[in-house]
């Protein structure tokens, strides 16, 4: 059970990074943005999604001993997080949180793999809106996750 206490500490650290980067992405003024603003936005979304993915991967490995593998593991990790697994764990994320997270996951993929990217202001605004909505949805989901993991670790304390 000491591993659950460590997991909680790592989750809280990743959550701070996630919150910081979602706030940074929300603060970028995309209306009259230049390439530096777009780059800041893209990097903030990249880091925010990576922090969320890290949380899900840590929990998945702790409870199931391994995370999904294969070409679509990023998508499956999110989709698995919304499942209720009786006797193992409750859903980690709501259906809406997963939907919003997929928006950021898709954008992160483009940022990682499109080396000469033309910024589509309308698309960036949609991603920014999804990031803001994700920040709200995640707060409740991650509070519930921390509470559940804390209750499992309680006998150890």
Protein backbone atom coordinates (compact mmCIF):
# COMPACT_ATOMS: atom_id res chain seq x y z
CA UNK A 1 0.00 0.00 0.00
CA UNK A 2 2.99 2.32 0.29
CA UNK A 3 2.97 2.33 -3.51
CA UNK A 4 -0.47 3.96 -3.37
CA UNK A 5 0.91 6.78 -1.25
CA UNK A 6 3.70 7.25 -3.78
CA UNK A 7 1.12 7.18 -6.60
CA UNK A 8 -0.90 9.89 -4.85
CA UNK A 9 2.20 12.07 -4.57
CA UNK A 10 3.04 11.59 -8.24
CA UNK A 11 -0.58 12.24 -9.24
CA UNK A 12 -0.59 15.51 -7.30
CA UNK A 13 2.68 16.59 -8.91
CA UNK A 14 1.37 15.78 -12.40
CA UNK A 15 -1.90 17.54 -11.55
CA UNK A 16 -0.05 20.74 -10.64
CA UNK A 17 1.77 20.63 -14.00
CA UNK A 18 -1.48 19.89 -15.83
CA UNK A 19 -3.27 22.81 -14.17
CA UNK A 20 -0.36 25.17 -14.84
CA UNK A 21 -0.16 24.30 -18.54
CA UNK A 22 -3.93 24.40 -19.11
CA UNK A 23 -3.96 27.87 -17.53
CA UNK A 24 -1.04 28.96 -19.73
CA UNK A 25 -2.85 27.75 -22.86
CA UNK A 26 -6.03 29.56 -21.80
CA UNK A 27 -4.10 32.80 -21.24
CA UNK A 28 -2.67 32.99 -24.77
CA UNK A 29 -4.50 35.66 -26.77
CA UNK A 30 -5.06 33.88 -30.07
CA UNK A 31 -7.05 36.66 -31.74
CA UNK A 32 -4.05 38.70 -32.85
CA UNK A 33 -1.42 36.09 -32.12
CA UNK A 34 1.90 35.80 -33.89
CA UNK A 35 4.04 32.68 -34.35
CA UNK A 36 5.54 33.02 -30.85
CA UNK A 37 2.05 33.07 -29.31
CA UNK A 38 1.02 30.06 -31.37
CA UNK A 39 4.16 28.22 -30.30
CA UNK A 40 3.51 29.03 -26.63
CA UNK A 41 -0.06 27.79 -26.99
CA UNK A 42 1.01 24.59 -28.75
CA UNK A 43 3.68 23.84 -26.17
CA UNK A 44 1.28 24.51 -23.28
CA UNK A 45 -1.34 22.16 -24.74
CA UNK A 46 1.34 19.55 -25.42
CA UNK A 47 2.59 19.67 -21.84
CA UNK A 48 -0.93 19.73 -20.34
CA UNK A 49 -2.04 16.67 -22.28
CA UNK A 50 1.21 14.84 -21.52
CA UNK A 51 0.67 15.47 -17.79
CA UNK A 52 -2.87 14.08 -18.02
CA UNK A 53 -1.62 11.06 -19.92
CA UNK A 54 1.06 10.54 -17.28
CA UNK A 55 -1.60 10.47 -14.54
CA UNK A 56 -3.69 7.92 -16.41
CA UNK A 57 -0.65 5.80 -17.24
CA UNK A 58 0.58 5.76 -13.62
CA UNK A 59 -2.84 4.73 -12.29
CA UNK A 60 -3.27 2.12 -15.01
CA UNK A 61 0.12 0.55 -14.28
CA UNK A 62 -0.44 0.58 -10.52
CA UNK A 63 -3.80 -1.17 -10.77
CA UNK A 64 -3.35 -3.36 -13.85
CA UNK A 65 0.45 -3.80 -13.88
CA UNK A 66 0.79 -2.41 -17.39
CA UNK A 67 -0.57 0.31 -19.60
CA UNK A 68 -2.11 -0.29 -23.04
CA UNK A 69 0.39 -1.00 -25.80
CA UNK A 70 0.29 -0.82 -29.57
CA UNK A 71 -0.12 1.90 -32.14
CA UNK A 72 -3.33 3.23 -30.60
CA UNK A 73 -2.27 3.08 -26.94
CA UNK A 74 -2.77 6.83 -26.41
CA UNK A 75 -6.42 6.61 -27.46
CA UNK A 76 -7.03 3.37 -25.57
CA UNK A 77 -5.53 4.77 -22.36
CA UNK A 78 -8.11 7.56 -22.39
CA UNK A 79 -11.00 5.35 -23.43
CA UNK A 80 -10.16 2.80 -20.71
CA UNK A 81 -10.15 5.59 -18.11
CA UNK A 82 -13.91 6.09 -18.51
CA UNK A 83 -14.72 2.44 -17.81
CA UNK A 84 -16.17 1.25 -14.52
CA UNK A 85 -14.29 -1.91 -13.58
CA UNK A 86 -16.24 -3.44 -10.66
CA UNK A 87 -13.99 -4.94 -8.04
CA UNK A 88 -10.99 -3.08 -9.42
CA UNK A 89 -11.73 0.64 -9.80
CA UNK A 90 -14.41 3.20 -10.57
CA UNK A 91 -14.25 5.25 -13.78
CA UNK A 92 -11.21 7.54 -13.60
CA UNK A 93 -12.63 10.13 -15.99
CA UNK A 94 -16.13 11.07 -17.10
CA UNK A 95 -17.26 10.51 -20.67
CA UNK A 96 -17.19 14.29 -21.24
CA UNK A 97 -13.68 14.62 -19.82
CA UNK A 98 -12.47 11.87 -22.15
CA UNK A 99 -14.12 13.58 -25.13
CA UNK A 100 -12.41 16.87 -24.33
CA UNK A 101 -9.08 15.16 -23.65
CA UNK A 102 -9.24 13.51 -27.09
CA UNK A 103 -9.40 17.01 -28.60
CA UNK A 104 -6.13 17.91 -26.89
CA UNK A 105 -4.60 14.53 -27.71
CA UNK A 106 -5.30 15.09 -31.39
CA UNK A 107 -3.79 18.56 -31.30
CA UNK A 108 -0.71 17.26 -29.46
CA UNK A 109 -0.27 14.65 -32.19
CA UNK A 110 -0.25 17.37 -34.85
CA UNK A 111 2.20 19.47 -32.82
CA UNK A 112 4.53 16.49 -32.43
CA UNK A 113 4.43 15.34 -36.04
CA UNK A 114 3.72 18.36 -38.27
CA UNK A 115 7.11 19.98 -38.67
CA UNK A 116 5.88 22.74 -40.97
CA UNK A 117 2.55 23.63 -39.49
CA UNK A 118 0.31 26.44 -40.68
CA UNK A 119 -1.70 27.71 -37.73
CA UNK A 120 -5.44 27.66 -38.26
CA UNK A 121 -6.74 30.31 -35.86
CA UNK A 122 -10.26 28.85 -35.80
CA UNK A 123 -8.94 25.37 -34.95
CA UNK A 124 -6.69 26.79 -32.24
CA UNK A 125 -9.65 28.62 -30.69
CA UNK A 126 -11.61 25.35 -30.61
CA UNK A 127 -8.71 23.58 -28.91
CA UNK A 128 -8.37 26.48 -26.46
CA UNK A 129 -12.07 26.23 -25.63
CA UNK A 130 -11.77 22.44 -25.18
CA UNK A 131 -8.78 22.99 -22.87
CA UNK A 132 -10.74 25.42 -20.69
CA UNK A 133 -13.71 23.04 -20.50
CA UNK A 134 -11.31 20.17 -19.77
CA UNK A 135 -9.78 22.10 -16.85
CA UNK A 136 -13.24 22.37 -15.26
CA UNK A 137 -14.23 18.75 -15.93
CA UNK A 138 -10.90 17.40 -14.73
CA UNK A 139 -11.11 19.18 -11.38
CA UNK A 140 -14.05 17.02 -10.28
CA UNK A 141 -12.65 13.83 -11.83
CA UNK A 142 -9.21 14.22 -10.30
CA UNK A 143 -10.66 15.17 -6.90
CA UNK A 144 -12.68 11.94 -7.00
CA UNK A 145 -9.63 9.93 -8.11
CA UNK A 146 -7.47 11.37 -5.33
CA UNK A 147 -10.23 10.67 -2.80
CA UNK A 148 -10.63 7.08 -3.95
CA UNK A 149 -6.89 6.39 -3.98
CA UNK A 150 -6.59 8.08 -0.59
CA UNK A 151 -9.26 5.79 0.85
CA UNK A 152 -7.33 2.76 -0.42
CA UNK A 153 -4.11 4.06 1.10
CA UNK A 154 -5.75 5.06 4.41
CA UNK A 155 -5.06 1.78 6.27
CA UNK A 156 -1.33 2.33 5.58
CA UNK A 157 -1.17 5.78 7.17
